[in-house]
Amino acid sequence: MDAEHQYMIVFIRFFLVVFVLVAWIMFSRFAFGETQYQCIVTRIIDGDTLEVFCPQDNPRDVERVRLIGVQTPERGEKYYYKAGNDLDNLSNYNVNIERFGKDRYGRTLGIVESSKGCLNVEMRKRYPSTRYDGLLTKKQRNALIKRGWK
């Protein structure tokens, strides 16, 4: 075998080792639960609704997401602006969303997580309304409980 073929074999082996290492690192992040934030918060609507851009899901549009199990003050009510600011501070720009369909206004119903924790749980601690608890499905309730819901 000439030197050119030997270099090619070494190069291919090197490439395969690098590929396997990268694949293993990516798999270990997924398997061991390191969250990769896939959506970008573009706007806070109010204390329980935000707009996100998720390029891998819908690269052309923003999506409105309603936090399930959370009820914050509406426009004109006391603490309306504080609730929006609280959600803005918690969202921290990058978020991950677990989706549970749409509501009657076309918003995505979801559980939203950022590097600061689960937004649904944190907003529920600050605004402990139980108004929508009876409307949660078993799957939604279990997903929230797994994240510290009370």
Protein backbone atom coordinates (compact mmCIF):
# COMPACT_ATOMS: atom_id res chain seq x y z
CA MET A 1 0.00 0.00 0.00
CA ASP A 2 1.37 3.41 -0.89
CA ALA A 3 1.61 6.41 1.45
CA GLU A 4 -1.39 8.18 -0.06
CA HIS A 5 -3.73 5.29 0.82
CA GLN A 6 -2.32 5.08 4.34
CA TYR A 7 -3.01 8.79 4.92
CA MET A 8 -6.55 8.32 3.61
CA ILE A 9 -7.15 5.41 6.01
CA VAL A 10 -5.81 7.44 8.95
CA PHE A 11 -7.99 10.40 7.96
CA ILE A 12 -11.13 8.23 7.72
CA ARG A 13 -10.42 6.61 11.10
CA PHE A 14 -9.86 10.03 12.67
CA PHE A 15 -13.11 11.34 11.17
CA LEU A 16 -15.04 8.31 12.47
CA VAL A 17 -13.62 8.75 15.99
CA VAL A 18 -14.58 12.44 16.02
CA PHE A 19 -18.05 11.63 14.68
CA VAL A 20 -18.62 8.97 17.36
CA LEU A 21 -17.46 11.35 20.11
CA VAL A 22 -19.76 14.13 18.94
CA ALA A 23 -22.70 11.72 18.66
CA TRP A 24 -22.00 10.38 22.16
CA ILE A 25 -21.87 13.89 23.64
CA MET A 26 -25.16 14.83 21.97
CA PHE A 27 -26.82 11.60 23.10
CA SER A 28 -25.57 11.95 26.69
CA ARG A 29 -27.07 15.44 26.92
CA PHE A 30 -30.40 14.07 25.75
CA ALA A 31 -30.25 10.89 27.83
CA PHE A 32 -29.19 12.55 31.07
CA GLY A 33 -31.66 15.39 30.89
CA GLU A 34 -29.59 18.44 30.07
CA THR A 35 -32.17 20.83 28.68
CA GLN A 36 -31.48 22.41 25.34
CA TYR A 37 -33.50 25.60 24.95
CA GLN A 38 -35.02 25.63 21.52
CA CYS A 39 -37.32 28.66 21.50
CA ILE A 40 -36.62 32.37 21.83
CA VAL A 41 -39.00 34.62 23.74
CA THR A 42 -39.95 37.52 21.47
CA ARG A 43 -42.59 39.23 23.61
CA ILE A 44 -44.38 38.98 26.94
CA ILE A 45 -48.13 39.50 26.45
CA ASP A 46 -49.10 39.37 30.13
CA GLY A 47 -48.29 37.30 33.22
CA ASP A 48 -49.52 34.02 31.76
CA THR A 49 -48.98 34.41 27.99
CA LEU A 50 -45.86 34.95 25.92
CA GLU A 51 -44.78 34.86 22.28
CA VAL A 52 -41.93 32.63 21.19
CA PHE A 53 -40.05 31.92 18.00
CA CYS A 54 -39.15 28.24 17.55
CA PRO A 55 -37.14 27.99 14.31
CA GLN A 56 -37.09 24.17 14.29
CA ASP A 57 -40.91 23.94 14.65
CA ASN A 58 -42.17 26.83 12.57
CA PRO A 59 -39.39 28.92 11.01
CA ARG A 60 -41.74 31.61 9.69
CA ASP A 61 -44.02 32.49 12.60
CA VAL A 62 -44.05 33.34 16.25
CA GLU A 63 -46.28 31.28 18.50
CA ARG A 64 -48.39 32.50 21.42
CA VAL A 65 -48.07 30.23 24.43
CA ARG A 66 -50.49 30.24 27.37
CA LEU A 67 -49.01 28.83 30.58
CA ILE A 68 -51.33 26.04 31.75
CA GLY A 69 -52.55 26.13 35.33
CA VAL A 70 -51.63 29.78 35.84
CA GLN A 71 -53.96 32.75 36.23
CA THR A 72 -52.46 36.20 36.66
CA PRO A 73 -54.17 39.60 36.81
CA GLU A 74 -55.72 40.82 33.56
CA ARG A 75 -55.30 44.26 32.01
CA GLY A 76 -56.75 46.90 34.31
CA GLU A 77 -56.41 44.75 37.44
CA LYS A 78 -53.97 45.39 40.26
CA TYR A 79 -50.51 43.81 39.69
CA TYR A 80 -51.09 43.31 35.95
CA TYR A 81 -47.80 44.99 35.02
CA LYS A 82 -45.94 43.29 37.87
CA ALA A 83 -47.07 39.86 36.62
CA GLY A 84 -45.78 40.63 33.12
CA ASN A 85 -42.46 41.82 34.54
CA ASP A 86 -42.18 38.70 36.69
CA LEU A 87 -42.72 36.46 33.66
CA ASP A 88 -40.21 38.50 31.66
CA ASN A 89 -37.57 38.11 34.38
CA LEU A 90 -38.17 34.36 34.64
CA SER A 91 -38.25 33.64 30.91
CA ASN A 92 -34.63 34.68 30.42
CA TYR A 93 -34.84 34.82 26.59
CA ASN A 94 -34.43 31.09 25.81
CA VAL A 95 -37.13 28.56 26.72
CA ASN A 96 -38.27 25.00 26.12
CA ILE A 97 -41.96 24.22 25.65
CA GLU A 98 -43.98 21.09 26.29
CA ARG A 99 -47.15 21.57 24.23
CA PHE A 100 -50.68 20.41 25.13
CA GLY A 101 -52.79 21.54 22.20
CA LYS A 102 -54.51 24.88 21.63
CA ASP A 103 -57.07 26.93 23.52
CA ARG A 104 -60.17 28.58 22.04
CA TYR A 105 -58.13 31.67 21.11
CA GLY A 106 -55.58 29.65 19.11
CA ARG A 107 -52.81 29.95 21.68
CA THR A 108 -50.61 26.95 22.40
CA LEU A 109 -51.24 25.55 25.87
CA GLY A 110 -47.92 24.63 27.39
CA ILE A 111 -45.44 24.13 30.14
CA VAL A 112 -42.51 26.49 29.63
CA GLU A 113 -39.06 26.05 31.13
CA SER A 114 -36.09 28.38 31.19
CA SER A 115 -32.72 28.26 32.88
CA LYS A 116 -34.48 29.71 35.95
CA GLY A 117 -36.93 26.80 36.21
CA CYS A 118 -40.47 25.98 35.18
CA LEU A 119 -42.32 29.23 34.47
CA ASN A 120 -45.70 27.64 35.24
CA VAL A 121 -44.56 26.58 38.72
CA GLU A 122 -42.79 29.86 39.49
CA MET A 123 -45.71 32.03 38.34
CA ARG A 124 -48.15 29.83 40.31
CA LYS A 125 -46.08 30.50 43.46
CA ARG A 126 -46.34 34.24 42.87
CA TYR A 127 -50.01 34.24 41.78
CA PRO A 128 -51.68 31.25 43.52
CA SER A 129 -55.03 31.26 41.72
CA THR A 130 -56.61 27.82 41.33
CA ARG A 131 -59.13 29.00 38.74
CA TYR A 132 -58.03 26.60 35.99
CA ASP A 133 -57.05 23.59 38.13
CA GLY A 134 -60.27 21.74 37.31
CA LEU A 135 -59.60 22.11 33.58
CA LEU A 136 -56.20 20.40 33.64
CA THR A 137 -56.05 16.97 32.05
CA LYS A 138 -54.41 14.13 33.93
CA LYS A 139 -51.41 14.31 31.57
CA GLN A 140 -51.03 18.07 32.16
CA ARG A 141 -51.37 17.72 35.94
CA ASN A 142 -48.77 14.90 36.04
CA ALA A 143 -46.34 16.93 33.92
CA LEU A 144 -46.72 19.90 36.27
CA ILE A 145 -46.39 17.79 39.44
CA LYS A 146 -43.17 16.32 38.05
CA ARG A 147 -41.81 19.89 37.88
CA GLY A 148 -42.77 20.85 41.46
CA TRP A 149 -46.42 21.85 41.08
CA LYS A 150 -48.43 22.13 44.30
